[in-house]
N, C-alpha and C. Protein backbone atom coordinates (compact mmCIF):
# COMPACT_ATOMS: atom_id res chain seq x y z
N MET A 1 -39.43 69.55 -20.45
CA MET A 1 -38.63 70.20 -19.61
C MET A 1 -40.14 70.26 -19.04
N PHE A 2 -41.33 70.62 -19.63
CA PHE A 2 -42.66 70.99 -18.46
C PHE A 2 -42.92 69.87 -18.24
N GLY A 3 -43.05 68.81 -18.72
CA GLY A 3 -43.87 67.53 -18.07
C GLY A 3 -42.82 66.51 -17.30
N LEU A 4 -41.78 67.16 -16.85
CA LEU A 4 -41.13 66.38 -15.78
C LEU A 4 -41.77 66.13 -14.63
N PHE A 5 -42.36 67.44 -14.02
CA PHE A 5 -43.24 67.50 -12.80
C PHE A 5 -44.89 67.53 -13.03
N LYS A 6 -45.19 66.73 -13.95
CA LYS A 6 -46.62 66.21 -13.48
C LYS A 6 -47.26 65.14 -12.36
N LYS A 7 -48.28 65.97 -12.08
CA LYS A 7 -48.69 65.28 -10.81
C LYS A 7 -49.17 63.68 -11.28
N LYS A 8 -49.08 63.19 -10.33
CA LYS A 8 -49.53 61.60 -10.02
C LYS A 8 -50.72 61.63 -9.66
N GLU A 9 -51.21 60.47 -10.60
CA GLU A 9 -52.77 60.56 -10.35
C GLU A 9 -52.98 60.03 -9.28
N GLN A 10 -54.00 60.65 -8.47
CA GLN A 10 -54.23 60.34 -7.20
C GLN A 10 -55.69 59.16 -7.17
N LYS A 11 -55.28 57.76 -5.97
CA LYS A 11 -56.36 57.35 -6.72
C LYS A 11 -57.70 57.55 -5.39
N LYS A 12 -58.79 57.02 -5.58
CA LYS A 12 -59.89 57.49 -4.81
C LYS A 12 -60.45 56.52 -4.59
N ASP A 13 -60.99 56.63 -3.75
CA ASP A 13 -62.22 55.29 -3.21
C ASP A 13 -63.31 55.50 -4.02
N PRO A 14 -63.53 54.26 -4.72
CA PRO A 14 -64.31 54.32 -5.64
C PRO A 14 -66.30 54.34 -5.29
N VAL A 15 -66.34 53.96 -3.97
CA VAL A 15 -67.74 54.56 -3.27
C VAL A 15 -68.19 56.05 -3.27
N CYS A 16 -67.13 56.18 -2.20
CA CYS A 16 -67.45 57.93 -2.10
C CYS A 16 -66.43 59.10 -2.60
N GLY A 17 -65.77 58.60 -3.24
CA GLY A 17 -64.67 59.39 -3.90
C GLY A 17 -63.17 59.94 -3.20
N MET A 18 -63.24 59.79 -1.94
CA MET A 18 -62.31 60.34 -1.17
C MET A 18 -61.00 60.08 -1.92
N ILE A 19 -59.99 60.96 -1.69
CA ILE A 19 -58.33 60.52 -2.00
C ILE A 19 -58.07 59.95 -1.33
N ALA A 20 -57.81 58.71 -1.51
CA ALA A 20 -56.80 57.96 -0.64
C ALA A 20 -55.65 58.12 -0.11
N ASN A 21 -55.39 57.56 0.99
CA ASN A 21 -54.18 57.47 1.87
C ASN A 21 -53.51 56.47 2.37
N ASP A 22 -52.42 56.38 3.13
CA ASP A 22 -51.80 55.25 3.76
C ASP A 22 -52.93 54.35 4.42
N GLY A 23 -53.59 55.00 4.94
CA GLY A 23 -54.73 54.34 6.00
C GLY A 23 -55.72 53.55 5.37
N PHE A 24 -55.93 53.49 3.76
CA PHE A 24 -57.57 53.07 3.54
C PHE A 24 -56.77 51.74 3.15
N ILE A 25 -57.64 50.94 2.92
CA ILE A 25 -57.98 49.40 2.88
C ILE A 25 -57.97 49.15 1.49
N SER A 26 -56.89 48.63 1.20
CA SER A 26 -56.48 48.17 -0.42
C SER A 26 -57.17 46.34 -0.25
N LYS A 27 -58.14 46.72 -1.72
CA LYS A 27 -58.88 45.33 -1.95
C LYS A 27 -59.30 45.17 -3.23
N TYR A 28 -59.51 44.28 -4.19
CA TYR A 28 -59.71 44.19 -5.23
C TYR A 28 -59.37 45.35 -6.62
N GLY A 29 -57.78 45.86 -5.81
CA GLY A 29 -56.97 46.43 -6.95
C GLY A 29 -57.79 48.10 -6.57
N GLU A 30 -58.48 47.84 -5.58
CA GLU A 30 -59.11 49.64 -5.50
C GLU A 30 -58.45 49.99 -3.77
N LYS A 31 -58.89 51.10 -3.93
CA LYS A 31 -58.46 51.21 -2.18
C LYS A 31 -59.82 52.06 -1.79
N PHE A 32 -60.04 52.00 -0.06
CA PHE A 32 -61.41 52.18 0.34
C PHE A 32 -61.43 52.75 1.25
N CYS A 33 -61.81 54.23 2.22
CA CYS A 33 -61.33 54.92 3.31
C CYS A 33 -62.29 53.59 4.52
N SER A 34 -63.37 53.07 4.43
CA SER A 34 -63.77 52.34 5.72
C SER A 34 -64.37 51.01 5.26
N GLU A 35 -64.99 50.04 6.04
CA GLU A 35 -65.04 49.02 5.74
C GLU A 35 -66.15 49.15 5.35
N SER A 36 -67.26 50.20 5.58
CA SER A 36 -68.67 50.34 4.82
C SER A 36 -68.45 50.48 3.34
N CYS A 37 -67.47 51.54 2.86
CA CYS A 37 -67.30 51.56 1.76
C CYS A 37 -66.80 50.57 1.12
N LEU A 38 -65.96 49.65 1.71
CA LEU A 38 -65.54 47.95 1.15
C LEU A 38 -67.15 47.10 0.95
N LYS A 39 -67.69 47.19 1.95
CA LYS A 39 -68.89 46.68 1.81
C LYS A 39 -70.08 46.82 0.73
N LYS A 40 -70.20 48.39 0.56
CA LYS A 40 -71.42 48.82 -0.40
C LYS A 40 -70.33 48.54 -1.65
N TYR A 41 -69.16 48.44 -2.39
CA TYR A 41 -68.50 48.31 -3.51
C TYR A 41 -68.65 46.60 -3.80
N GLU A 42 -68.63 45.65 -2.68
CA GLU A 42 -69.02 43.98 -2.58
C GLU A 42 -70.48 44.30 -2.88
N GLU A 43 -71.22 44.18 -2.03
CA GLU A 43 -72.80 44.68 -2.70
C GLU A 43 -73.14 45.08 -3.96
N ASP A 44 -72.88 46.08 -4.21
CA ASP A 44 -73.03 46.78 -5.99
C ASP A 44 -72.18 46.08 -6.99
N ASN A 45 -71.30 45.21 -6.58
CA ASN A 45 -70.23 44.53 -7.50
C ASN A 45 -71.06 43.07 -7.57
N GLN A 46 -71.69 42.79 -6.51
CA GLN A 46 -72.21 41.40 -6.11
C GLN A 46 -70.86 40.03 -6.08
N ILE A 47 -70.01 40.36 -4.88
CA ILE A 47 -68.60 40.25 -4.77
C ILE A 47 -69.21 39.03 -3.22
N THR A 48 -68.71 37.90 -3.21
CA THR A 48 -69.07 37.39 -2.47
C THR A 48 -68.27 36.80 -1.71
N ASP A 49 -68.01 36.25 0.02
CA ASP A 49 -67.18 35.70 0.76
C ASP A 49 -66.60 34.14 0.47
N ASP A 50 -66.92 34.01 -0.74
CA ASP A 50 -66.98 32.44 -0.85
C ASP A 50 -67.68 31.74 0.15
N LYS A 51 -68.32 31.69 0.80
CA LYS A 51 -69.25 30.78 1.72
C LYS A 51 -70.52 30.61 1.20
N GLY A 52 -70.64 31.19 -0.09
CA GLY A 52 -71.96 30.11 -0.98
C GLY A 52 -71.87 30.79 -2.04
N CYS A 53 -72.59 30.61 -2.86
CA CYS A 53 -72.13 31.10 -4.60
C CYS A 53 -73.25 32.52 -4.65
N GLY A 54 -73.58 32.91 -3.78
CA GLY A 54 -74.06 34.48 -4.08
C GLY A 54 -74.97 35.05 -5.04
N GLY A 55 -75.41 33.79 -5.39
CA GLY A 55 -76.32 33.61 -6.68
C GLY A 55 -78.03 33.37 -5.90
N SER A 56 -78.63 33.57 -7.16
CA SER A 56 -79.97 33.90 -6.74
C SER A 56 -80.49 32.05 -6.49
N CYS A 57 -79.96 31.18 -6.47
CA CYS A 57 -80.01 29.85 -6.17
C CYS A 57 -79.79 29.26 -4.81
N CYS A 58 -79.22 30.41 -4.20
CA CYS A 58 -78.80 29.80 -2.88
C CYS A 58 -79.92 31.04 -2.00
N GLY A 59 -80.71 31.38 -2.22
CA GLY A 59 -81.53 32.10 -1.54
C GLY A 59 -82.49 31.73 -0.06
């Protein structure tokens, strides 16, 4: 009976740690509070926008 009302784990922005709400940007299976946090996540994880390979060969 005590386990019936467990709080649902809240999703957080992986960059700044803000607790997600409906206004957050959903991408890569994560929730981001702003474009700047999304861009930081992409930079930190070396995610590119498919305009180039993003590797050191494209310098």
